[in-house]
Amino acid sequence: MAKALRLRIRRELCSGCRLCEMACSLSHLGLVNTNRSAIRVFKDDLDTGACRPAVCVQCKKMLCLGEGDAAAEEYKGRFLWDRALEGSCPFDALPAWNGEVYHCDLCGGDPACVKFCSTGAIRI
């Protein structure tokens, strides 16, 4: 059985450049709009200056869908999710904007955010 693909985030390497957000929206939607990305970089500008990238951790039980949801496999491979799922991720990794909910689908196995992360903060 093949090992599950997951992104590894090294917060201490994140510069806050937001290239990952741009790459995500561009690769999925054909436009650069950081609000329409499945990965978000949260910055603590007022205190430590630290950056915290948040993206789906690809948990096995799909906690955002609830226990025993038969649609889990269908949803796992989708970038745009139903609006009703907004705020359902316990890890704050299911961002929403303007009525759309964005989920990391790992770009079909070749994540754009990894390719564009110049500091190596996002890896497979």
N, C-alpha and C. Protein backbone atom coordinates (compact mmCIF):
# COMPACT_ATOMS: atom_id res chain seq x y z
N MET A 1 0.85 -1.19 0.00
CA MET A 1 0.00 0.00 0.00
C MET A 1 0.89 1.25 0.00
N ALA A 2 0.56 2.19 -0.85
CA ALA A 2 1.34 3.42 -0.96
C ALA A 2 1.14 4.31 0.27
N LYS A 3 2.20 4.99 0.63
CA LYS A 3 2.13 5.91 1.77
C LYS A 3 1.30 7.14 1.40
N ALA A 4 0.45 7.58 2.33
CA ALA A 4 -0.41 8.74 2.08
C ALA A 4 0.43 10.00 1.92
N LEU A 5 0.08 10.80 0.94
CA LEU A 5 0.77 12.05 0.68
C LEU A 5 0.26 13.12 1.65
N ARG A 6 1.19 13.79 2.32
CA ARG A 6 0.83 14.87 3.24
C ARG A 6 1.87 15.97 3.14
N LEU A 7 1.41 17.18 3.39
CA LEU A 7 2.33 18.32 3.43
C LEU A 7 2.93 18.42 4.81
N ARG A 8 4.20 18.77 4.85
CA ARG A 8 4.90 19.00 6.12
C ARG A 8 5.20 20.50 6.19
N ILE A 9 4.80 21.11 7.28
CA ILE A 9 5.00 22.55 7.45
C ILE A 9 6.06 22.78 8.52
N ARG A 10 7.07 23.57 8.18
CA ARG A 10 8.10 23.98 9.15
C ARG A 10 7.93 25.48 9.36
N ARG A 11 7.16 25.81 10.38
CA ARG A 11 6.80 27.21 10.65
C ARG A 11 8.00 28.12 10.79
N GLU A 12 9.05 27.61 11.39
CA GLU A 12 10.23 28.45 11.64
C GLU A 12 10.91 28.89 10.34
N LEU A 13 10.63 28.22 9.23
CA LEU A 13 11.21 28.59 7.95
C LEU A 13 10.33 29.52 7.12
N CYS A 14 9.08 29.70 7.54
CA CYS A 14 8.14 30.52 6.77
C CYS A 14 8.51 32.01 6.88
N SER A 15 8.65 32.66 5.73
CA SER A 15 9.01 34.08 5.70
C SER A 15 7.77 34.97 5.61
N GLY A 16 6.61 34.37 5.35
CA GLY A 16 5.40 35.16 5.20
C GLY A 16 5.23 35.77 3.83
N CYS A 17 5.94 35.28 2.83
CA CYS A 17 5.89 35.86 1.48
C CYS A 17 4.55 35.60 0.77
N ARG A 18 3.85 34.57 1.17
CA ARG A 18 2.54 34.19 0.65
C ARG A 18 2.57 33.68 -0.79
N LEU A 19 3.76 33.29 -1.27
CA LEU A 19 3.85 32.68 -2.60
C LEU A 19 3.04 31.39 -2.67
N CYS A 20 2.96 30.67 -1.56
CA CYS A 20 2.19 29.43 -1.53
C CYS A 20 0.71 29.70 -1.80
N GLU A 21 0.19 30.77 -1.22
CA GLU A 21 -1.22 31.14 -1.43
C GLU A 21 -1.45 31.51 -2.90
N MET A 22 -0.52 32.26 -3.46
CA MET A 22 -0.65 32.67 -4.86
C MET A 22 -0.58 31.47 -5.79
N ALA A 23 0.36 30.57 -5.53
CA ALA A 23 0.51 29.38 -6.36
C ALA A 23 -0.73 28.51 -6.30
N CYS A 24 -1.33 28.41 -5.14
CA CYS A 24 -2.54 27.59 -4.97
C CYS A 24 -3.70 28.14 -5.80
N SER A 25 -3.99 29.41 -5.64
CA SER A 25 -5.12 29.99 -6.38
C SER A 25 -4.84 29.99 -7.89
N LEU A 26 -3.61 30.24 -8.28
CA LEU A 26 -3.27 30.27 -9.70
C LEU A 26 -3.40 28.88 -10.33
N SER A 27 -2.91 27.86 -9.63
CA SER A 27 -2.94 26.51 -10.21
C SER A 27 -4.36 25.94 -10.28
N HIS A 28 -5.24 26.35 -9.36
CA HIS A 28 -6.60 25.81 -9.36
C HIS A 28 -7.60 26.67 -10.13
N LEU A 29 -7.45 27.97 -10.04
CA LEU A 29 -8.46 28.87 -10.58
C LEU A 29 -7.98 29.73 -11.74
N GLY A 30 -6.67 29.69 -11.99
CA GLY A 30 -6.13 30.48 -13.09
C GLY A 30 -6.00 31.96 -12.78
N LEU A 31 -6.03 32.32 -11.50
CA LEU A 31 -5.87 33.72 -11.09
C LEU A 31 -5.14 33.79 -9.75
N VAL A 32 -4.48 34.90 -9.53
CA VAL A 32 -3.78 35.11 -8.27
C VAL A 32 -4.70 35.87 -7.34
N ASN A 33 -5.19 35.19 -6.33
CA ASN A 33 -6.06 35.78 -5.32
C ASN A 33 -5.84 34.99 -4.04
N THR A 34 -5.09 35.55 -3.12
CA THR A 34 -4.74 34.83 -1.89
C THR A 34 -5.96 34.50 -1.03
N ASN A 35 -7.06 35.20 -1.22
CA ASN A 35 -8.29 34.88 -0.49
C ASN A 35 -8.92 33.58 -1.00
N ARG A 36 -8.57 33.18 -2.21
CA ARG A 36 -9.17 32.00 -2.83
C ARG A 36 -8.16 30.86 -2.91
N SER A 37 -7.45 30.66 -1.82
CA SER A 37 -6.42 29.64 -1.71
C SER A 37 -6.77 28.66 -0.59
N ALA A 38 -6.33 27.42 -0.73
CA ALA A 38 -6.57 26.41 0.31
C ALA A 38 -5.52 26.48 1.42
N ILE A 39 -4.47 27.23 1.20
CA ILE A 39 -3.46 27.43 2.24
C ILE A 39 -3.49 28.91 2.64
N ARG A 40 -3.37 29.16 3.91
CA ARG A 40 -3.36 30.54 4.41
C ARG A 40 -2.16 30.73 5.32
N VAL A 41 -1.54 31.89 5.20
CA VAL A 41 -0.42 32.23 6.08
C VAL A 41 -0.92 33.30 7.05
N PHE A 42 -0.92 32.93 8.32
CA PHE A 42 -1.32 33.86 9.37
C PHE A 42 -0.06 34.49 9.95
N LYS A 43 -0.05 35.81 10.05
CA LYS A 43 1.13 36.53 10.54
C LYS A 43 0.81 37.21 11.87
N ASP A 44 1.75 37.14 12.77
CA ASP A 44 1.63 37.82 14.06
C ASP A 44 2.45 39.10 13.97
N ASP A 45 1.89 40.09 13.31
CA ASP A 45 2.61 41.34 13.08
C ASP A 45 2.79 42.19 14.33
N LEU A 46 1.94 42.01 15.31
CA LEU A 46 1.97 42.87 16.49
C LEU A 46 2.85 42.37 17.63
N ASP A 47 3.23 41.10 17.60
CA ASP A 47 4.00 40.57 18.72
C ASP A 47 5.32 39.95 18.26
N THR A 48 5.27 38.70 17.84
CA THR A 48 6.50 37.97 17.53
C THR A 48 6.95 38.10 16.08
N GLY A 49 6.04 38.46 15.19
CA GLY A 49 6.37 38.52 13.77
C GLY A 49 6.38 37.14 13.12
N ALA A 50 6.00 36.12 13.87
CA ALA A 50 6.01 34.76 13.35
C ALA A 50 4.91 34.55 12.33
N CYS A 51 5.16 33.65 11.41
CA CYS A 51 4.20 33.29 10.38
C CYS A 51 3.76 31.85 10.60
N ARG A 52 2.48 31.61 10.38
CA ARG A 52 1.94 30.26 10.60
C ARG A 52 1.12 29.84 9.39
N PRO A 53 1.70 29.04 8.49
CA PRO A 53 0.93 28.52 7.37
C PRO A 53 -0.09 27.49 7.89
N ALA A 54 -1.31 27.56 7.39
CA ALA A 54 -2.35 26.60 7.77
C ALA A 54 -2.91 25.96 6.50
N VAL A 55 -2.89 24.64 6.47
CA VAL A 55 -3.37 23.88 5.32
C VAL A 55 -3.88 22.54 5.83
N CYS A 56 -4.75 21.92 5.07
CA CYS A 56 -5.33 20.64 5.46
C CYS A 56 -4.22 19.64 5.80
N VAL A 57 -4.39 18.94 6.92
CA VAL A 57 -3.41 17.94 7.34
C VAL A 57 -3.73 16.56 6.79
N GLN A 58 -4.78 16.47 5.96
CA GLN A 58 -5.18 15.22 5.33
C GLN A 58 -5.41 14.11 6.37
N CYS A 59 -6.14 14.45 7.42
CA CYS A 59 -6.39 13.46 8.47
C CYS A 59 -7.20 12.29 7.92
N LYS A 60 -6.92 11.10 8.41
CA LYS A 60 -7.55 9.88 7.90
C LYS A 60 -9.06 9.87 8.08
N LYS A 61 -9.54 10.40 9.19
CA LYS A 61 -10.96 10.35 9.49
C LYS A 61 -11.74 11.54 8.94
N MET A 62 -11.07 12.46 8.28
CA MET A 62 -11.71 13.65 7.73
C MET A 62 -12.63 14.29 8.78
N LEU A 63 -12.03 14.77 9.84
CA LEU A 63 -12.78 15.33 10.97
C LEU A 63 -13.71 16.46 10.55
N CYS A 64 -13.37 17.16 9.50
CA CYS A 64 -14.20 18.27 9.01
C CYS A 64 -15.55 17.79 8.47
N LEU A 65 -15.62 16.53 8.07
CA LEU A 65 -16.86 15.99 7.53
C LEU A 65 -17.71 15.29 8.58
N GLY A 66 -17.14 15.02 9.73
CA GLY A 66 -17.90 14.32 10.76
C GLY A 66 -17.70 12.82 10.66
N GLU A 67 -18.02 12.13 11.72
CA GLU A 67 -17.84 10.68 11.79
C GLU A 67 -18.74 9.96 10.80
N GLY A 68 -18.18 8.99 10.12
CA GLY A 68 -18.95 8.10 9.26
C GLY A 68 -19.55 8.71 8.02
N ASP A 69 -19.02 9.82 7.54
CA ASP A 69 -19.56 10.44 6.34
C ASP A 69 -19.11 9.65 5.11
N ALA A 70 -20.06 9.15 4.37
CA ALA A 70 -19.76 8.34 3.19
C ALA A 70 -19.15 9.17 2.07
N ALA A 71 -19.30 10.47 2.11
CA ALA A 71 -18.79 11.35 1.05
C ALA A 71 -17.33 11.73 1.23
N ALA A 72 -16.69 11.21 2.28
CA ALA A 72 -15.32 11.62 2.59
C ALA A 72 -14.36 11.43 1.41
N GLU A 73 -14.41 10.29 0.76
CA GLU A 73 -13.50 10.04 -0.36
C GLU A 73 -13.78 10.99 -1.53
N GLU A 74 -15.03 11.26 -1.78
CA GLU A 74 -15.39 12.19 -2.85
C GLU A 74 -14.86 13.59 -2.55
N TYR A 75 -15.03 14.04 -1.32
CA TYR A 75 -14.59 15.38 -0.94
C TYR A 75 -13.08 15.51 -0.90
N LYS A 76 -12.39 14.47 -0.51
CA LYS A 76 -10.95 14.53 -0.34
C LYS A 76 -10.23 15.04 -1.58
N GLY A 77 -10.70 14.68 -2.75
CA GLY A 77 -10.05 15.09 -3.99
C GLY A 77 -10.59 16.37 -4.61
N ARG A 78 -11.42 17.09 -3.88
CA ARG A 78 -12.01 18.32 -4.42
C ARG A 78 -11.37 19.57 -3.80
N PHE A 79 -11.23 20.59 -4.61
CA PHE A 79 -10.67 21.86 -4.15
C PHE A 79 -11.77 22.75 -3.56
N LEU A 80 -12.90 22.85 -4.22
CA LEU A 80 -14.03 23.64 -3.73
C LEU A 80 -15.02 22.74 -3.02
N TRP A 81 -15.37 23.11 -1.80
CA TRP A 81 -16.30 22.33 -0.99
C TRP A 81 -17.59 23.10 -0.77
N ASP A 82 -18.60 22.38 -0.30
CA ASP A 82 -19.90 23.00 -0.02
C ASP A 82 -19.77 24.05 1.08
N ARG A 83 -20.51 25.11 0.92
CA ARG A 83 -20.49 26.24 1.85
C ARG A 83 -20.87 25.81 3.28
N ALA A 84 -21.69 24.80 3.40
CA ALA A 84 -22.14 24.33 4.71
C ALA A 84 -20.98 23.81 5.58
N LEU A 85 -19.86 23.49 4.96
CA LEU A 85 -18.71 22.96 5.70
C LEU A 85 -17.78 24.05 6.24
N GLU A 86 -18.10 25.29 5.98
CA GLU A 86 -17.28 26.41 6.47
C GLU A 86 -17.11 26.31 7.98
N GLY A 87 -15.88 26.40 8.44
CA GLY A 87 -15.59 26.38 9.87
C GLY A 87 -15.60 25.00 10.50
N SER A 88 -15.72 23.94 9.70
CA SER A 88 -15.82 22.60 10.27
C SER A 88 -14.48 21.94 10.58
N CYS A 89 -13.38 22.50 10.12
CA CYS A 89 -12.07 21.90 10.38
C CYS A 89 -11.58 22.29 11.77
N PRO A 90 -11.26 21.29 12.61
CA PRO A 90 -10.78 21.60 13.96
C PRO A 90 -9.36 22.20 13.97
N PHE A 91 -8.68 22.16 12.83
CA PHE A 91 -7.32 22.69 12.73
C PHE A 91 -7.27 24.05 12.02
N ASP A 92 -8.43 24.65 11.76
CA ASP A 92 -8.53 25.94 11.10
C ASP A 92 -7.85 25.91 9.72
N ALA A 93 -8.06 24.80 9.00
CA ALA A 93 -7.39 24.62 7.71
C ALA A 93 -8.37 24.40 6.56
N LEU A 94 -9.56 24.96 6.70
CA LEU A 94 -10.56 24.88 5.64
C LEU A 94 -11.08 26.30 5.41
N PRO A 95 -10.26 27.12 4.75
CA PRO A 95 -10.60 28.54 4.61
C PRO A 95 -11.80 28.79 3.70
N ALA A 96 -12.47 29.87 3.98
CA ALA A 96 -13.63 30.27 3.18
C ALA A 96 -13.50 31.75 2.84
N TRP A 97 -14.07 32.10 1.70
CA TRP A 97 -14.10 33.50 1.29
C TRP A 97 -15.26 33.69 0.33
N ASN A 98 -16.05 34.67 0.61
CA ASN A 98 -17.14 35.07 -0.28
C ASN A 98 -18.07 33.89 -0.64
N GLY A 99 -18.36 33.07 0.36
CA GLY A 99 -19.29 31.96 0.15
C GLY A 99 -18.68 30.70 -0.44
N GLU A 100 -17.38 30.68 -0.64
CA GLU A 100 -16.70 29.49 -1.17
C GLU A 100 -15.77 28.93 -0.10
N VAL A 101 -15.68 27.61 -0.03
CA VAL A 101 -14.81 26.92 0.94
C VAL A 101 -13.73 26.19 0.16
N TYR A 102 -12.48 26.36 0.58
CA TYR A 102 -11.33 25.82 -0.15
C TYR A 102 -10.65 24.72 0.65
N HIS A 103 -10.37 23.61 -0.03
CA HIS A 103 -9.74 22.46 0.60
C HIS A 103 -8.50 22.06 -0.21
N CYS A 104 -7.44 21.73 0.48
CA CYS A 104 -6.21 21.28 -0.19
C CYS A 104 -6.44 19.89 -0.77
N ASP A 105 -6.36 19.79 -2.09
CA ASP A 105 -6.49 18.51 -2.77
C ASP A 105 -5.13 17.97 -3.20
N LEU A 106 -4.07 18.57 -2.67
CA LEU A 106 -2.69 18.20 -2.95
C LEU A 106 -2.34 18.29 -4.44
N CYS A 107 -3.11 19.10 -5.17
CA CYS A 107 -2.87 19.34 -6.59
C CYS A 107 -2.69 18.03 -7.37
N GLY A 108 -3.46 17.04 -6.99
CA GLY A 108 -3.39 15.75 -7.69
C GLY A 108 -2.08 15.02 -7.48
N GLY A 109 -1.35 15.35 -6.44
CA GLY A 109 -0.09 14.66 -6.13
C GLY A 109 1.16 15.47 -6.39
N ASP A 110 1.02 16.68 -6.91
CA ASP A 110 2.17 17.55 -7.22
C ASP A 110 1.86 18.96 -6.73
N PRO A 111 1.86 19.18 -5.40
CA PRO A 111 1.42 20.45 -4.81
C PRO A 111 2.20 21.67 -5.31
N ALA A 112 1.46 22.64 -5.84
CA ALA A 112 2.06 23.88 -6.35
C ALA A 112 2.74 24.66 -5.24
N CYS A 113 2.17 24.65 -4.03
CA CYS A 113 2.75 25.42 -2.93
C CYS A 113 4.16 24.95 -2.60
N VAL A 114 4.40 23.65 -2.70
CA VAL A 114 5.73 23.09 -2.42
C VAL A 114 6.74 23.60 -3.45
N LYS A 115 6.33 23.62 -4.70
CA LYS A 115 7.22 24.07 -5.78
C LYS A 115 7.62 25.53 -5.65
N PHE A 116 6.70 26.35 -5.14
CA PHE A 116 6.95 27.79 -5.07
C PHE A 116 7.48 28.26 -3.72
N CYS A 117 7.53 27.39 -2.73
CA CYS A 117 8.02 27.80 -1.40
C CYS A 117 9.54 27.88 -1.45
N SER A 118 10.07 29.09 -1.50
CA SER A 118 11.51 29.31 -1.68
C SER A 118 12.33 29.03 -0.42
N THR A 119 11.67 28.98 0.75
CA THR A 119 12.42 28.76 2.00
C THR A 119 12.40 27.29 2.43
N GLY A 120 11.58 26.48 1.79
CA GLY A 120 11.47 25.07 2.18
C GLY A 120 10.56 24.87 3.38
N ALA A 121 9.73 25.84 3.70
CA ALA A 121 8.82 25.71 4.84
C ALA A 121 7.71 24.70 4.56
N ILE A 122 7.39 24.50 3.29
CA ILE A 122 6.35 23.52 2.91
C ILE A 122 7.02 22.41 2.10
N ARG A 123 6.88 21.20 2.59
CA ARG A 123 7.47 20.03 1.93
C ARG A 123 6.48 18.88 1.93
N ILE A 124 6.78 17.88 1.13
CA ILE A 124 5.95 16.67 1.11
C ILE A 124 6.54 15.69 2.10
